[in-house]
Amino acid sequence: MAAILMALFLWIIGLAVLSASFFLTHMIRKRADALLEKSEHEEKKDESASIALAIEGKLLDQIPSYVTHTITGVVGLTLIALGVVALAFHFH
């Protein structure tokens, strides 16, 4: 019984990681835009902070979405595969 519960748990977590890639990509883009906007506002107050915020925003903006999709895809599918292995122990 524990193997079935472990398999279901790993499958649910794996599916959550697979679907999280779309939310993660959206959050990265949103955060990059917010940092770039904040750097424009900080430009008048503190130029070094404005430069740092602009660099952070541009770095986040340069992350391609396929990288986040690939990483979360590999991690999610690995968790699903581990769930299949846990299910194999139940039938062994």
PDB file of N, CA and C in Angstrom:
ATOM      1  N   MET A   1       0.816  -1.200   0.000  1.00  0.00           N
ATOM      2  CA  MET A   1       0.000   0.000   0.000  1.00  0.00           C
ATOM      3  C   MET A   1       0.864   1.270   0.000  1.00  0.00           C
ATOM      4  N   ALA A   2       1.974   1.214   0.718  1.00  0.00           N
ATOM      5  CA  ALA A   2       2.856   2.377   0.787  1.00  0.00           C
ATOM      6  C   ALA A   2       3.470   2.673  -0.574  1.00  0.00           C
ATOM      7  N   ALA A   3       3.742   1.621  -1.359  1.00  0.00           N
ATOM      8  CA  ALA A   3       4.337   1.828  -2.682  1.00  0.00           C
ATOM      9  C   ALA A   3       3.356   2.540  -3.612  1.00  0.00           C
ATOM     10  N   ILE A   4       2.084   2.191  -3.511  1.00  0.00           N
ATOM     11  CA  ILE A   4       1.074   2.847  -4.352  1.00  0.00           C
ATOM     12  C   ILE A   4       0.936   4.321  -3.961  1.00  0.00           C
ATOM     13  N   LEU A   5       0.928   4.588  -2.657  1.00  0.00           N
ATOM     14  CA  LEU A   5       0.835   5.975  -2.207  1.00  0.00           C
ATOM     15  C   LEU A   5       2.067   6.776  -2.617  1.00  0.00           C
ATOM     16  N   MET A   6       3.240   6.137  -2.531  1.00  0.00           N
ATOM     17  CA  MET A   6       4.467   6.816  -2.950  1.00  0.00           C
ATOM     18  C   MET A   6       4.437   7.098  -4.450  1.00  0.00           C
ATOM     19  N   ALA A   7       3.946   6.136  -5.236  1.00  0.00           N
ATOM     20  CA  ALA A   7       3.853   6.333  -6.685  1.00  0.00           C
ATOM     21  C   ALA A   7       2.900   7.480  -7.012  1.00  0.00           C
ATOM     22  N   LEU A   8       1.741   7.502  -6.379  1.00  0.00           N
ATOM     23  CA  LEU A   8       0.786   8.586  -6.620  1.00  0.00           C
ATOM     24  C   LEU A   8       1.359   9.941  -6.204  1.00  0.00           C
ATOM     25  N   PHE A   9       2.044   9.955  -5.066  1.00  0.00           N
ATOM     26  CA  PHE A   9       2.657  11.194  -4.595  1.00  0.00           C
ATOM     27  C   PHE A   9       3.694  11.700  -5.594  1.00  0.00           C
ATOM     28  N   LEU A  10       4.552  10.811  -6.083  1.00  0.00           N
ATOM     29  CA  LEU A  10       5.573  11.212  -7.049  1.00  0.00           C
ATOM     30  C   LEU A  10       4.954  11.650  -8.373  1.00  0.00           C
ATOM     31  N   TRP A  11       3.884  10.995  -8.803  1.00  0.00           N
ATOM     32  CA  TRP A  11       3.223  11.387 -10.050  1.00  0.00           C
ATOM     33  C   TRP A  11       2.600  12.774  -9.927  1.00  0.00           C
ATOM     34  N   ILE A  12       1.960  13.033  -8.799  1.00  0.00           N
ATOM     35  CA  ILE A  12       1.323  14.341  -8.601  1.00  0.00           C
ATOM     36  C   ILE A  12       2.373  15.446  -8.538  1.00  0.00           C
ATOM     37  N   ILE A  13       3.455  15.194  -7.810  1.00  0.00           N
ATOM     38  CA  ILE A  13       4.533  16.182  -7.733  1.00  0.00           C
ATOM     39  C   ILE A  13       5.169  16.375  -9.105  1.00  0.00           C
ATOM     40  N   GLY A  14       5.369  15.286  -9.856  1.00  0.00           N
ATOM     41  CA  GLY A  14       5.942  15.379 -11.201  1.00  0.00           C
ATOM     42  C   GLY A  14       5.070  16.192 -12.137  1.00  0.00           C
ATOM     43  N   LEU A  15       3.761  15.967 -12.081  1.00  0.00           N
ATOM     44  CA  LEU A  15       2.846  16.745 -12.919  1.00  0.00           C
ATOM     45  C   LEU A  15       2.822  18.217 -12.505  1.00  0.00           C
ATOM     46  N   ALA A  16       2.937  18.463 -11.208  1.00  0.00           N
ATOM     47  CA  ALA A  16       2.975  19.850 -10.738  1.00  0.00           C
ATOM     48  C   ALA A  16       4.235  20.558 -11.235  1.00  0.00           C
ATOM     49  N   VAL A  17       5.363  19.849 -11.218  1.00  0.00           N
ATOM     50  CA  VAL A  17       6.609  20.448 -11.707  1.00  0.00           C
ATOM     51  C   VAL A  17       6.521  20.689 -13.210  1.00  0.00           C
ATOM     52  N   LEU A  18       5.925  19.747 -13.943  1.00  0.00           N
ATOM     53  CA  LEU A  18       5.779  19.925 -15.390  1.00  0.00           C
ATOM     54  C   LEU A  18       4.916  21.138 -15.724  1.00  0.00           C
ATOM     55  N   SER A  19       3.837  21.317 -14.991  1.00  0.00           N
ATOM     56  CA  SER A  19       2.954  22.447 -15.286  1.00  0.00           C
ATOM     57  C   SER A  19       3.486  23.760 -14.712  1.00  0.00           C
ATOM     58  N   ALA A  20       4.415  23.690 -13.777  1.00  0.00           N
ATOM     59  CA  ALA A  20       4.958  24.908 -13.170  1.00  0.00           C
ATOM     60  C   ALA A  20       5.842  25.692 -14.130  1.00  0.00           C
ATOM     61  N   SER A  21       6.287  25.067 -15.203  1.00  0.00           N
ATOM     62  CA  SER A  21       7.184  25.770 -16.120  1.00  0.00           C
ATOM     63  C   SER A  21       6.506  26.983 -16.751  1.00  0.00           C
ATOM     64  N   PHE A  22       5.227  26.879 -17.051  1.00  0.00           N
ATOM     65  CA  PHE A  22       4.518  28.002 -17.657  1.00  0.00           C
ATOM     66  C   PHE A  22       4.356  29.153 -16.664  1.00  0.00           C
ATOM     67  N   PHE A  23       4.048  28.818 -15.410  1.00  0.00           N
ATOM     68  CA  PHE A  23       3.919  29.851 -14.387  1.00  0.00           C
ATOM     69  C   PHE A  23       5.276  30.473 -14.069  1.00  0.00           C
ATOM     70  N   LEU A  24       6.320  29.650 -14.057  1.00  0.00           N
ATOM     71  CA  LEU A  24       7.661  30.146 -13.772  1.00  0.00           C
ATOM     72  C   LEU A  24       8.136  31.101 -14.861  1.00  0.00           C
ATOM     73  N   THR A  25       7.876  30.760 -16.112  1.00  0.00           N
ATOM     74  CA  THR A  25       8.250  31.640 -17.220  1.00  0.00           C
ATOM     75  C   THR A  25       7.519  32.976 -17.118  1.00  0.00           C
ATOM     76  N   HIS A  26       6.243  32.922 -16.798  1.00  0.00           N
ATOM     77  CA  HIS A  26       5.453  34.150 -16.649  1.00  0.00           C
ATOM     78  C   HIS A  26       5.986  34.998 -15.491  1.00  0.00           C
ATOM     79  N   MET A  27       6.332  34.356 -14.377  1.00  0.00           N
ATOM     80  CA  MET A  27       6.840  35.092 -13.224  1.00  0.00           C
ATOM     81  C   MET A  27       8.196  35.731 -13.521  1.00  0.00           C
ATOM     82  N   ILE A  28       9.048  35.033 -14.273  1.00  0.00           N
ATOM     83  CA  ILE A  28      10.358  35.592 -14.624  1.00  0.00           C
ATOM     84  C   ILE A  28      10.184  36.824 -15.504  1.00  0.00           C
ATOM     85  N   ARG A  29       9.304  36.736 -16.494  1.00  0.00           N
ATOM     86  CA  ARG A  29       9.070  37.885 -17.390  1.00  0.00           C
ATOM     87  C   ARG A  29       8.478  39.074 -16.625  1.00  0.00           C
ATOM     88  N   LYS A  30       7.547  38.779 -15.719  1.00  0.00           N
ATOM     89  CA  LYS A  30       6.908  39.834 -14.944  1.00  0.00           C
ATOM     90  C   LYS A  30       7.917  40.516 -14.017  1.00  0.00           C
ATOM     91  N   ARG A  31       8.778  39.711 -13.397  1.00  0.00           N
ATOM     92  CA  ARG A  31       9.791  40.260 -12.491  1.00  0.00           C
ATOM     93  C   ARG A  31      10.820  41.093 -13.262  1.00  0.00           C
ATOM     94  N   ALA A  32      11.189  40.640 -14.459  1.00  0.00           N
ATOM     95  CA  ALA A  32      12.145  41.396 -15.274  1.00  0.00           C
ATOM     96  C   ALA A  32      11.571  42.759 -15.645  1.00  0.00           C
ATOM     97  N   ASP A  33      10.309  42.787 -16.037  1.00  0.00           N
ATOM     98  CA  ASP A  33       9.674  44.068 -16.373  1.00  0.00           C
ATOM     99  C   ASP A  33       9.606  44.991 -15.161  1.00  0.00           C
ATOM    100  N   ALA A  34       9.297  44.416 -13.994  1.00  0.00           N
ATOM    101  CA  ALA A  34       9.218  45.227 -12.780  1.00  0.00           C
ATOM    102  C   ALA A  34      10.585  45.798 -12.409  1.00  0.00           C
ATOM    103  N   LEU A  35      11.638  44.998 -12.566  1.00  0.00           N
ATOM    104  CA  LEU A  35      12.981  45.492 -12.254  1.00  0.00           C
ATOM    105  C   LEU A  35      13.415  46.593 -13.210  1.00  0.00           C
ATOM    106  N   LEU A  36      13.106  46.434 -14.488  1.00  0.00           N
ATOM    107  CA  LEU A  36      13.468  47.471 -15.455  1.00  0.00           C
ATOM    108  C   LEU A  36      12.702  48.766 -15.200  1.00  0.00           C
ATOM    109  N   GLU A  37      11.444  48.632 -14.810  1.00  0.00           N
ATOM    110  CA  GLU A  37      10.649  49.825 -14.501  1.00  0.00           C
ATOM    111  C   GLU A  37      11.160  50.509 -13.234  1.00  0.00           C
ATOM    112  N   LYS A  38      11.528  49.691 -12.242  1.00  0.00           N
ATOM    113  CA  LYS A  38      12.044  50.260 -10.996  1.00  0.00           C
ATOM    114  C   LYS A  38      13.391  50.940 -11.222  1.00  0.00           C
ATOM    115  N   SER A  39      14.192  50.390 -12.139  1.00  0.00           N
ATOM    116  CA  SER A  39      15.494  51.014 -12.420  1.00  0.00           C
ATOM    117  C   SER A  39      15.318  52.391 -13.055  1.00  0.00           C
ATOM    118  N   GLU A  40      14.261  52.563 -13.840  1.00  0.00           N
ATOM    119  CA  GLU A  40      13.988  53.880 -14.421  1.00  0.00           C
ATOM    120  C   GLU A  40      13.610  54.889 -13.340  1.00  0.00           C
ATOM    121  N   HIS A  41      12.843  54.436 -12.336  1.00  0.00           N
ATOM    122  CA  HIS A  41      12.449  55.337 -11.256  1.00  0.00           C
ATOM    123  C   HIS A  41      13.629  55.661 -10.336  1.00  0.00           C
ATOM    124  N   GLU A  42      14.522  54.698 -10.144  1.00  0.00           N
ATOM    125  CA  GLU A  42      15.675  54.900  -9.268  1.00  0.00           C
ATOM    126  C   GLU A  42      16.774  55.720  -9.930  1.00  0.00           C
ATOM    127  N   GLU A  43      16.658  55.941 -11.235  1.00  0.00           N
ATOM    128  CA  GLU A  43      17.711  56.634 -11.975  1.00  0.00           C
ATOM    129  C   GLU A  43      17.951  58.045 -11.434  1.00  0.00           C
ATOM    130  N   LYS A  44      16.900  58.697 -10.995  1.00  0.00           N
ATOM    131  CA  LYS A  44      17.023  60.067 -10.493  1.00  0.00           C
ATOM    132  C   LYS A  44      17.577  60.105  -9.068  1.00  0.00           C
ATOM    133  N   LYS A  45      17.305  59.057  -8.285  1.00  0.00           N
ATOM    134  CA  LYS A  45      17.723  59.046  -6.882  1.00  0.00           C
ATOM    135  C   LYS A  45      19.141  58.500  -6.712  1.00  0.00           C
ATOM    136  N   ASP A  46      19.354  57.279  -7.211  1.00  0.00           N
ATOM    137  CA  ASP A  46      20.632  56.595  -6.997  1.00  0.00           C
ATOM    138  C   ASP A  46      21.027  55.887  -8.285  1.00  0.00           C
ATOM    139  N   GLU A  47      22.057  56.413  -8.926  1.00  0.00           N
ATOM    140  CA  GLU A  47      22.430  55.883 -10.238  1.00  0.00           C
ATOM    141  C   GLU A  47      23.014  54.474 -10.152  1.00  0.00           C
ATOM    142  N   SER A  48      23.765  54.169  -9.087  1.00  0.00           N
ATOM    143  CA  SER A  48      24.350  52.831  -8.970  1.00  0.00           C
ATOM    144  C   SER A  48      23.266  51.779  -8.736  1.00  0.00           C
ATOM    145  N   ALA A  49      22.250  52.114  -7.956  1.00  0.00           N
ATOM    146  CA  ALA A  49      21.139  51.187  -7.754  1.00  0.00           C
ATOM    147  C   ALA A  49      20.362  50.999  -9.047  1.00  0.00           C
ATOM    148  N   SER A  50      20.227  52.062  -9.803  1.00  0.00           N
ATOM    149  CA  SER A  50      19.534  51.977 -11.086  1.00  0.00           C
ATOM    150  C   SER A  50      20.273  51.060 -12.046  1.00  0.00           C
ATOM    151  N   ILE A  51      21.602  51.159 -12.062  1.00  0.00           N
ATOM    152  CA  ILE A  51      22.397  50.293 -12.941  1.00  0.00           C
ATOM    153  C   ILE A  51      22.269  48.838 -12.512  1.00  0.00           C
ATOM    154  N   ALA A  52      22.323  48.592 -11.194  1.00  0.00           N
ATOM    155  CA  ALA A  52      22.202  47.220 -10.693  1.00  0.00           C
ATOM    156  C   ALA A  52      20.834  46.629 -11.029  1.00  0.00           C
ATOM    157  N   LEU A  53      19.780  47.403 -10.848  1.00  0.00           N
ATOM    158  CA  LEU A  53      18.436  46.919 -11.166  1.00  0.00           C
ATOM    159  C   LEU A  53      18.276  46.671 -12.658  1.00  0.00           C
ATOM    160  N   ALA A  54      18.871  47.523 -13.472  1.00  0.00           N
ATOM    161  CA  ALA A  54      18.788  47.339 -14.924  1.00  0.00           C
ATOM    162  C   ALA A  54      19.523  46.076 -15.352  1.00  0.00           C
ATOM    163  N   ILE A  55      20.674  45.816 -14.737  1.00  0.00           N
ATOM    164  CA  ILE A  55      21.419  44.594 -15.067  1.00  0.00           C
ATOM    165  C   ILE A  55      20.618  43.360 -14.676  1.00  0.00           C
ATOM    166  N   GLU A  56      20.031  43.370 -13.472  1.00  0.00           N
ATOM    167  CA  GLU A  56      19.222  42.234 -13.031  1.00  0.00           C
ATOM    168  C   GLU A  56      18.028  42.019 -13.951  1.00  0.00           C
ATOM    169  N   GLY A  57      17.369  43.103 -14.317  1.00  0.00           N
ATOM    170  CA  GLY A  57      16.208  42.991 -15.197  1.00  0.00           C
ATOM    171  C   GLY A  57      16.569  42.454 -16.567  1.00  0.00           C
ATOM    172  N   LYS A  58      17.692  42.928 -17.106  1.00  0.00           N
ATOM    173  CA  LYS A  58      18.117  42.452 -18.428  1.00  0.00           C
ATOM    174  C   LYS A  58      18.574  41.003 -18.375  1.00  0.00           C
ATOM    175  N   LEU A  59      19.209  40.595 -17.264  1.00  0.00           N
ATOM    176  CA  LEU A  59      19.604  39.191 -17.127  1.00  0.00           C
ATOM    177  C   LEU A  59      18.383  38.275 -17.083  1.00  0.00           C
ATOM    178  N   LEU A  60      17.379  38.675 -16.318  1.00  0.00           N
ATOM    179  CA  LEU A  60      16.158  37.870 -16.269  1.00  0.00           C
ATOM    180  C   LEU A  60      15.450  37.861 -17.617  1.00  0.00           C
ATOM    181  N   ASP A  61      15.535  38.967 -18.324  1.00  0.00           N
ATOM    182  CA  ASP A  61      14.893  39.052 -19.632  1.00  0.00           C
ATOM    183  C   ASP A  61      15.604  38.187 -20.670  1.00  0.00           C
ATOM    184  N   GLN A  62      16.890  37.913 -20.459  1.00  0.00           N
ATOM    185  CA  GLN A  62      17.668  37.123 -21.413  1.00  0.00           C
ATOM    186  C   GLN A  62      17.511  35.615 -21.230  1.00  0.00           C
ATOM    187  N   ILE A  63      16.860  35.172 -20.155  1.00  0.00           N
ATOM    188  CA  ILE A  63      16.663  33.735 -19.940  1.00  0.00           C
ATOM    189  C   ILE A  63      15.613  33.250 -20.930  1.00  0.00           C
ATOM    190  N   PRO A  64      15.989  32.348 -21.844  1.00  0.00           N
ATOM    191  CA  PRO A  64      15.001  31.855 -22.806  1.00  0.00           C
ATOM    192  C   PRO A  64      13.992  30.928 -22.122  1.00  0.00           C
ATOM    193  N   SER A  65      12.782  30.951 -22.621  1.00  0.00           N
ATOM    194  CA  SER A  65      11.737  30.145 -21.992  1.00  0.00           C
ATOM    195  C   SER A  65      11.974  28.654 -22.178  1.00  0.00           C
ATOM    196  N   TYR A  66      12.684  28.270 -23.250  1.00  0.00           N
ATOM    197  CA  TYR A  66      12.904  26.841 -23.443  1.00  0.00           C
ATOM    198  C   TYR A  66      13.829  26.260 -22.377  1.00  0.00           C
ATOM    199  N   VAL A  67      14.650  27.092 -21.752  1.00  0.00           N
ATOM    200  CA  VAL A  67      15.520  26.598 -20.681  1.00  0.00           C
ATOM    201  C   VAL A  67      14.679  26.202 -19.470  1.00  0.00           C
ATOM    202  N   THR A  68      13.734  27.059 -19.081  1.00  0.00           N
ATOM    203  CA  THR A  68      12.884  26.716 -17.943  1.00  0.00           C
ATOM    204  C   THR A  68      11.995  25.527 -18.269  1.00  0.00           C
ATOM    205  N   HIS A  69      11.497  25.454 -19.501  1.00  0.00           N
ATOM    206  CA  HIS A  69      10.665  24.317 -19.891  1.00  0.00           C
ATOM    207  C   HIS A  69      11.475  23.022 -19.897  1.00  0.00           C
ATOM    208  N   THR A  70      12.718  23.086 -20.351  1.00  0.00           N
ATOM    209  CA  THR A  70      13.557  21.888 -20.391  1.00  0.00           C
ATOM    210  C   THR A  70      13.907  21.409 -18.988  1.00  0.00           C
ATOM    211  N   ILE A  71      14.305  22.327 -18.128  1.00  0.00           N
ATOM    212  CA  ILE A  71      14.697  21.942 -16.768  1.00  0.00           C
ATOM    213  C   ILE A  71      13.515  21.366 -16.004  1.00  0.00           C
ATOM    214  N   THR A  72      12.370  22.044 -16.045  1.00  0.00           N
ATOM    215  CA  THR A  72      11.209  21.520 -15.326  1.00  0.00           C
ATOM    216  C   THR A  72      10.693  20.241 -15.972  1.00  0.00           C
ATOM    217  N   GLY A  73      10.852  20.110 -17.281  1.00  0.00           N
ATOM    218  CA  GLY A  73      10.446  18.879 -17.957  1.00  0.00           C
ATOM    219  C   GLY A  73      11.276  17.689 -17.523  1.00  0.00           C
ATOM    220  N   VAL A  74      12.581  17.878 -17.445  1.00  0.00           N
ATOM    221  CA  VAL A  74      13.463  16.781 -17.024  1.00  0.00           C
ATOM    222  C   VAL A  74      13.190  16.396 -15.572  1.00  0.00           C
ATOM    223  N   VAL A  75      13.051  17.382 -14.705  1.00  0.00           N
ATOM    224  CA  VAL A  75      12.796  17.094 -13.292  1.00  0.00           C
ATOM    225  C   VAL A  75      11.433  16.427 -13.113  1.00  0.00           C
ATOM    226  N   GLY A  76      10.411  16.949 -13.784  1.00  0.00           N
ATOM    227  CA  GLY A  76       9.073  16.374 -13.662  1.00  0.00           C
ATOM    228  C   GLY A  76       8.989  14.958 -14.196  1.00  0.00           C
ATOM    229  N   LEU A  77       9.594  14.714 -15.349  1.00  0.00           N
ATOM    230  CA  LEU A  77       9.563  13.363 -15.907  1.00  0.00           C
ATOM    231  C   LEU A  77      10.393  12.386 -15.085  1.00  0.00           C
ATOM    232  N   THR A  78      11.455  12.873 -14.451  1.00  0.00           N
ATOM    233  CA  THR A  78      12.232  12.016 -13.552  1.00  0.00           C
ATOM    234  C   THR A  78      11.394  11.604 -12.350  1.00  0.00           C
ATOM    235  N   LEU A  79      10.627  12.535 -11.804  1.00  0.00           N
ATOM    236  CA  LEU A  79       9.754  12.198 -10.678  1.00  0.00           C
ATOM    237  C   LEU A  79       8.673  11.205 -11.089  1.00  0.00           C
ATOM    238  N   ILE A  80       8.125  11.367 -12.281  1.00  0.00           N
ATOM    239  CA  ILE A  80       7.116  10.418 -12.762  1.00  0.00           C
ATOM    240  C   ILE A  80       7.741   9.043 -12.956  1.00  0.00           C
ATOM    241  N   ALA A  81       8.965   8.994 -13.482  1.00  0.00           N
ATOM    242  CA  ALA A  81       9.653   7.710 -13.655  1.00  0.00           C
ATOM    243  C   ALA A  81       9.937   7.056 -12.307  1.00  0.00           C
ATOM    244  N   LEU A  82      10.294   7.849 -11.313  1.00  0.00           N
ATOM    245  CA  LEU A  82      10.498   7.285  -9.976  1.00  0.00           C
ATOM    246  C   LEU A  82       9.192   6.749  -9.402  1.00  0.00           C
ATOM    247  N   GLY A  83       8.082   7.370  -9.755  1.00  0.00           N
ATOM    248  CA  GLY A  83       6.781   6.849  -9.342  1.00  0.00           C
ATOM    249  C   GLY A  83       6.489   5.500  -9.966  1.00  0.00           C
ATOM    250  N   VAL A  84       6.890   5.314 -11.216  1.00  0.00           N
ATOM    251  CA  VAL A  84       6.717   4.012 -11.873  1.00  0.00           C
ATOM    252  C   VAL A  84       7.594   2.968 -11.192  1.00  0.00           C
ATOM    253  N   VAL A  85       8.806   3.353 -10.804  1.00  0.00           N
ATOM    254  CA  VAL A  85       9.690   2.421 -10.090  1.00  0.00           C
ATOM    255  C   VAL A  85       9.078   2.045  -8.746  1.00  0.00           C
ATOM    256  N   ALA A  86       8.506   3.006  -8.041  1.00  0.00           N
ATOM    257  CA  ALA A  86       7.852   2.709  -6.763  1.00  0.00           C
ATOM    258  C   ALA A  86       6.669   1.776  -6.963  1.00  0.00           C
ATOM    259  N   LEU A  87       5.960   1.940  -8.063  1.00  0.00           N
ATOM    260  CA  LEU A  87       4.836   1.053  -8.352  1.00  0.00           C
ATOM    261  C   LEU A  87       5.320  -0.354  -8.689  1.00  0.00           C
ATOM    262  N   ALA A  88       6.488  -0.464  -9.297  1.00  0.00           N
ATOM    263  CA  ALA A  88       7.047  -1.779  -9.611  1.00  0.00           C
ATOM    264  C   ALA A  88       7.383  -2.541  -8.337  1.00  0.00           C
ATOM    265  N   PHE A  89       7.777  -1.842  -7.284  1.00  0.00           N
ATOM    266  CA  PHE A  89       8.061  -2.516  -6.018  1.00  0.00           C
ATOM    267  C   PHE A  89       6.790  -3.081  -5.390  1.00  0.00           C
ATOM    268  N   HIS A  90       5.657  -2.475  -5.685  1.00  0.00           N
ATOM    269  CA  HIS A  90       4.397  -2.997  -5.148  1.00  0.00           C
ATOM    270  C   HIS A  90       4.052  -4.345  -5.777  1.00  0.00           C
ATOM    271  N   PHE A  91       4.313  -4.480  -7.062  1.00  0.00           N
ATOM    272  CA  PHE A  91       3.960  -5.714  -7.755  1.00  0.00           C
ATOM    273  C   PHE A  91       5.063  -6.760  -7.702  1.00  0.00           C
ATOM    274  N   HIS A  92       6.198  -6.444  -7.117  1.00  0.00           N
ATOM    275  CA  HIS A  92       7.304  -7.401  -7.042  1.00  0.00           C
ATOM    276  C   HIS A  92       7.070  -8.415  -5.996  1.00  0.00           C
TER     277      HIS A  92
END
